[in-house]
C-alpha atoms as a PDB file:
ATOM      1  CA  MET A   1     -62.000  17.239 132.579  1.00  0.00           C
ATOM      2  CA  LEU A   2     -58.396  16.125 133.399  1.00  0.00           C
ATOM      3  CA  LYS A   3     -57.396  16.579 129.755  1.00  0.00           C
ATOM      4  CA  SER A   4     -58.384  20.307 129.970  1.00  0.00           C
ATOM      5  CA  LEU A   5     -56.250  21.099 133.047  1.00  0.00           C
ATOM      6  CA  GLN A   6     -53.442  23.506 132.633  1.00  0.00           C
ATOM      7  CA  ALA A   7     -50.413  24.534 134.659  1.00  0.00           C
ATOM      8  CA  LYS A   8     -52.215  27.602 136.024  1.00  0.00           C
ATOM      9  CA  ASP A   9     -54.881  25.313 137.488  1.00  0.00           C
ATOM     10  CA  VAL A  10     -52.423  23.680 139.981  1.00  0.00           C
ATOM     11  CA  MET A  11     -49.349  25.858 140.144  1.00  0.00           C
ATOM     12  CA  LEU A  12     -48.123  27.265 143.342  1.00  0.00           C
ATOM     13  CA  LYS A  13     -47.937  31.036 142.964  1.00  0.00           C
ATOM     14  CA  GLU A  14     -45.966  31.526 146.116  1.00  0.00           C
ATOM     15  CA  THR A  15     -42.589  30.070 145.057  1.00  0.00           C
ATOM     16  CA  ILE A  16     -39.372  30.080 147.127  1.00  0.00           C
ATOM     17  CA  THR A  17     -36.638  31.646 144.971  1.00  0.00           C
ATOM     18  CA  ILE A  18     -32.997  32.652 145.385  1.00  0.00           C
ATOM     19  CA  GLY A  19     -30.733  35.181 143.739  1.00  0.00           C
ATOM     20  CA  PRO A  20     -27.646  34.317 141.757  1.00  0.00           C
ATOM     21  CA  ASN A  21     -25.173  36.069 143.983  1.00  0.00           C
ATOM     22  CA  VAL A  22     -26.177  34.264 147.175  1.00  0.00           C
ATOM     23  CA  SER A  23     -23.588  31.981 148.819  1.00  0.00           C
ATOM     24  CA  LEU A  24     -24.079  28.292 148.428  1.00  0.00           C
ATOM     25  CA  ARG A  25     -24.231  28.077 152.180  1.00  0.00           C
ATOM     26  CA  LYS A  26     -27.253  30.372 152.301  1.00  0.00           C
ATOM     27  CA  ALA A  27     -28.791  28.441 149.473  1.00  0.00           C
ATOM     28  CA  VAL A  28     -28.416  25.083 151.354  1.00  0.00           C
ATOM     29  CA  LYS A  29     -29.898  26.620 154.477  1.00  0.00           C
ATOM     30  CA  GLN A  30     -32.843  27.809 152.476  1.00  0.00           C
ATOM     31  CA  LEU A  31     -33.382  24.472 150.777  1.00  0.00           C
ATOM     32  CA  VAL A  32     -33.211  22.649 154.184  1.00  0.00           C
ATOM     33  CA  GLU A  33     -35.505  25.223 155.941  1.00  0.00           C
ATOM     34  CA  ASN A  34     -38.086  25.075 153.296  1.00  0.00           C
ATOM     35  CA  LYS A  35     -37.941  21.334 152.903  1.00  0.00           C
ATOM     36  CA  VAL A  36     -37.425  21.435 149.149  1.00  0.00           C
ATOM     37  CA  SER A  37     -34.824  19.891 146.935  1.00  0.00           C
ATOM     38  CA  SER A  38     -34.487  22.639 144.466  1.00  0.00           C
ATOM     39  CA  MET A  39     -35.390  26.322 143.914  1.00  0.00           C
ATOM     40  CA  PRO A  40     -35.655  28.574 141.012  1.00  0.00           C
ATOM     41  CA  VAL A  41     -32.909  31.193 140.588  1.00  0.00           C
ATOM     42  CA  VAL A  42     -34.217  34.556 139.545  1.00  0.00           C
ATOM     43  CA  ASP A  43     -32.536  37.927 138.834  1.00  0.00           C
ATOM     44  CA  ASP A  44     -33.643  41.247 140.289  1.00  0.00           C
ATOM     45  CA  THR A  45     -36.449  41.637 137.825  1.00  0.00           C
ATOM     46  CA  GLY A  46     -37.936  38.141 138.590  1.00  0.00           C
ATOM     47  CA  LYS A  47     -36.573  36.582 135.328  1.00  0.00           C
ATOM     48  CA  LEU A  48     -35.952  32.840 135.669  1.00  0.00           C
ATOM     49  CA  ILE A  49     -32.166  32.306 135.063  1.00  0.00           C
ATOM     50  CA  GLY A  50     -31.502  28.895 136.563  1.00  0.00           C
ATOM     51  CA  ILE A  51     -32.333  26.204 139.137  1.00  0.00           C
ATOM     52  CA  ILE A  52     -30.226  25.360 142.227  1.00  0.00           C
ATOM     53  CA  SER A  53     -30.697  21.800 143.531  1.00  0.00           C
ATOM     54  CA  CYS A  54     -29.339  19.505 146.197  1.00  0.00           C
ATOM     55  CA  GLU A  55     -27.643  17.712 143.306  1.00  0.00           C
ATOM     56  CA  ASN A  56     -25.877  20.931 142.289  1.00  0.00           C
ATOM     57  CA  VAL A  57     -24.698  21.484 145.827  1.00  0.00           C
ATOM     58  CA  LEU A  58     -23.487  17.873 146.264  1.00  0.00           C
ATOM     59  CA  ASN A  59     -21.282  18.253 143.237  1.00  0.00           C
ATOM     60  CA  VAL A  60     -19.202  20.922 145.074  1.00  0.00           C
ATOM     61  CA  ALA A  61     -19.936  20.203 148.754  1.00  0.00           C
ATOM     62  CA  PHE A  62     -16.526  18.742 149.531  1.00  0.00           C
ATOM     63  CA  ASP A  63     -14.297  21.263 147.834  1.00  0.00           C
ATOM     64  CA  GLY A  64     -14.330  23.623 150.891  1.00  0.00           C
ATOM     65  CA  TYR A  65     -15.735  26.741 149.278  1.00  0.00           C
ATOM     66  CA  ILE A  66     -19.385  26.551 150.320  1.00  0.00           C
ATOM     67  CA  ASN A  67     -19.166  29.911 151.929  1.00  0.00           C
ATOM     68  CA  THR A  68     -17.590  31.786 148.995  1.00  0.00           C
ATOM     69  CA  THR A  69     -19.144  29.885 146.026  1.00  0.00           C
ATOM     70  CA  LYS A  70     -22.121  31.670 144.601  1.00  0.00           C
ATOM     71  CA  VAL A  71     -25.339  30.043 143.354  1.00  0.00           C
ATOM     72  CA  GLU A  72     -24.748  31.305 139.815  1.00  0.00           C
ATOM     73  CA  THR A  73     -21.633  29.177 139.678  1.00  0.00           C
ATOM     74  CA  VAL A  74     -23.189  25.845 140.192  1.00  0.00           C
ATOM     75  CA  MET A  75     -26.812  26.291 139.201  1.00  0.00           C
ATOM     76  CA  THR A  76     -28.392  24.551 136.305  1.00  0.00           C
ATOM     77  CA  LYS A  77     -28.771  27.162 133.601  1.00  0.00           C
ATOM     78  CA  ASN A  78     -30.574  25.126 130.908  1.00  0.00           C
ATOM     79  CA  VAL A  79     -33.912  25.072 132.786  1.00  0.00           C
ATOM     80  CA  VAL A  80     -36.924  23.188 131.598  1.00  0.00           C
ATOM     81  CA  TYR A  81     -40.018  25.388 132.155  1.00  0.00           C
ATOM     82  CA  PHE A  82     -43.513  25.839 130.845  1.00  0.00           C
ATOM     83  CA  GLU A  83     -46.117  28.567 130.242  1.00  0.00           C
ATOM     84  CA  PRO A  84     -49.176  28.852 132.484  1.00  0.00           C
ATOM     85  CA  ASP A  85     -51.464  27.577 129.777  1.00  0.00           C
ATOM     86  CA  THR A  86     -49.582  24.373 129.089  1.00  0.00           C
ATOM     87  CA  ASN A  87     -51.588  21.184 129.355  1.00  0.00           C
ATOM     88  CA  LEU A  88     -50.963  19.513 132.675  1.00  0.00           C
ATOM     89  CA  GLU A  89     -50.568  16.106 131.089  1.00  0.00           C
ATOM     90  CA  GLU A  90     -47.547  17.365 129.172  1.00  0.00           C
ATOM     91  CA  ILE A  91     -46.019  18.777 132.431  1.00  0.00           C
ATOM     92  CA  ALA A  92     -46.754  15.501 134.193  1.00  0.00           C
ATOM     93  CA  LEU A  93     -44.923  13.443 131.490  1.00  0.00           C
ATOM     94  CA  VAL A  94     -41.786  15.617 131.620  1.00  0.00           C
ATOM     95  CA  ILE A  95     -41.806  15.516 135.486  1.00  0.00           C
ATOM     96  CA  SER A  96     -42.051  11.732 135.358  1.00  0.00           C
ATOM     97  CA  LYS A  97     -39.503  11.133 132.563  1.00  0.00           C
ATOM     98  CA  LYS A  98     -36.924  13.513 134.001  1.00  0.00           C
ATOM     99  CA  HIS A  99     -37.567  12.690 137.666  1.00  0.00           C
ATOM    100  CA  PHE A 100     -38.251  16.268 138.535  1.00  0.00           C
ATOM    101  CA  HIS A 101     -39.944  17.241 141.749  1.00  0.00           C
ATOM    102  CA  ARG A 102     -41.139  20.616 140.371  1.00  0.00           C
ATOM    103  CA  ILE A 103     -41.266  22.607 137.151  1.00  0.00           C
ATOM    104  CA  PRO A 104     -41.084  26.474 136.960  1.00  0.00           C
ATOM    105  CA  ILE A 105     -43.928  28.243 135.252  1.00  0.00           C
ATOM    106  CA  VAL A 106     -42.868  31.305 133.331  1.00  0.00           C
ATOM    107  CA  LYS A 107     -44.813  34.061 131.638  1.00  0.00           C
ATOM    108  CA  ASP A 108     -42.993  36.699 129.547  1.00  0.00           C
ATOM    109  CA  GLY A 109     -39.664  35.429 130.887  1.00  0.00           C
ATOM    110  CA  LYS A 110     -40.718  35.909 134.541  1.00  0.00           C
ATOM    111  CA  LEU A 111     -41.315  33.217 137.104  1.00  0.00           C
ATOM    112  CA  VAL A 112     -44.996  33.118 138.000  1.00  0.00           C
ATOM    113  CA  GLY A 113     -45.191  29.871 139.880  1.00  0.00           C
ATOM    114  CA  THR A 114     -44.215  26.184 140.069  1.00  0.00           C
ATOM    115  CA  VAL A 115     -46.043  22.909 139.447  1.00  0.00           C
ATOM    116  CA  THR A 116     -45.018  20.083 141.689  1.00  0.00           C
ATOM    117  CA  ARG A 117     -45.559  16.349 141.446  1.00  0.00           C
ATOM    118  CA  ARG A 118     -47.595  16.559 144.623  1.00  0.00           C
ATOM    119  CA  ALA A 119     -50.003  19.194 143.247  1.00  0.00           C
ATOM    120  CA  ILE A 120     -50.574  17.158 140.062  1.00  0.00           C
ATOM    121  CA  VAL A 121     -51.363  13.962 141.989  1.00  0.00           C
ATOM    122  CA  LYS A 122     -53.650  15.916 144.385  1.00  0.00           C
ATOM    123  CA  LYS A 123     -55.519  17.445 141.409  1.00  0.00           C
ATOM    124  CA  ILE A 124     -55.981  14.308 139.362  1.00  0.00           C
ATOM    125  CA  PHE A 125     -57.059  12.208 142.302  1.00  0.00           C
ATOM    126  CA  ASP A 126     -59.308  15.062 143.640  1.00  0.00           C
ATOM    127  CA  LEU A 127     -57.649  15.095 147.026  1.00  0.00           C
ATOM    128  CA  GLU A 128     -58.011  18.659 147.996  1.00  0.00           C
END
């Protein structure tokens, strides 16, 4: 049964996102309030265009421009993502090897959800 699981079987459909033109201060506030270490960055149509993470923020946190720097300036643009029908084992391996907390799930270029480490562990150990 585990071998047949796909991203769509465990993905969170309600995903916290942010736009590219939001200030870094607002992005940090959103990360902290939602207790996440990263968020997908989407354009007005819902297309995935990047990821903003605590690591991205730390890289510029001390330059004094957190209020005027936009998310698009520091976000990761080369995003690893998967389709909803991707085998969960493949996603789990990437999450493990790359030390990701979550992976965006994209269909036709649009963000449709995320798969988290926690969701995978809960599913494979039947902890729901």
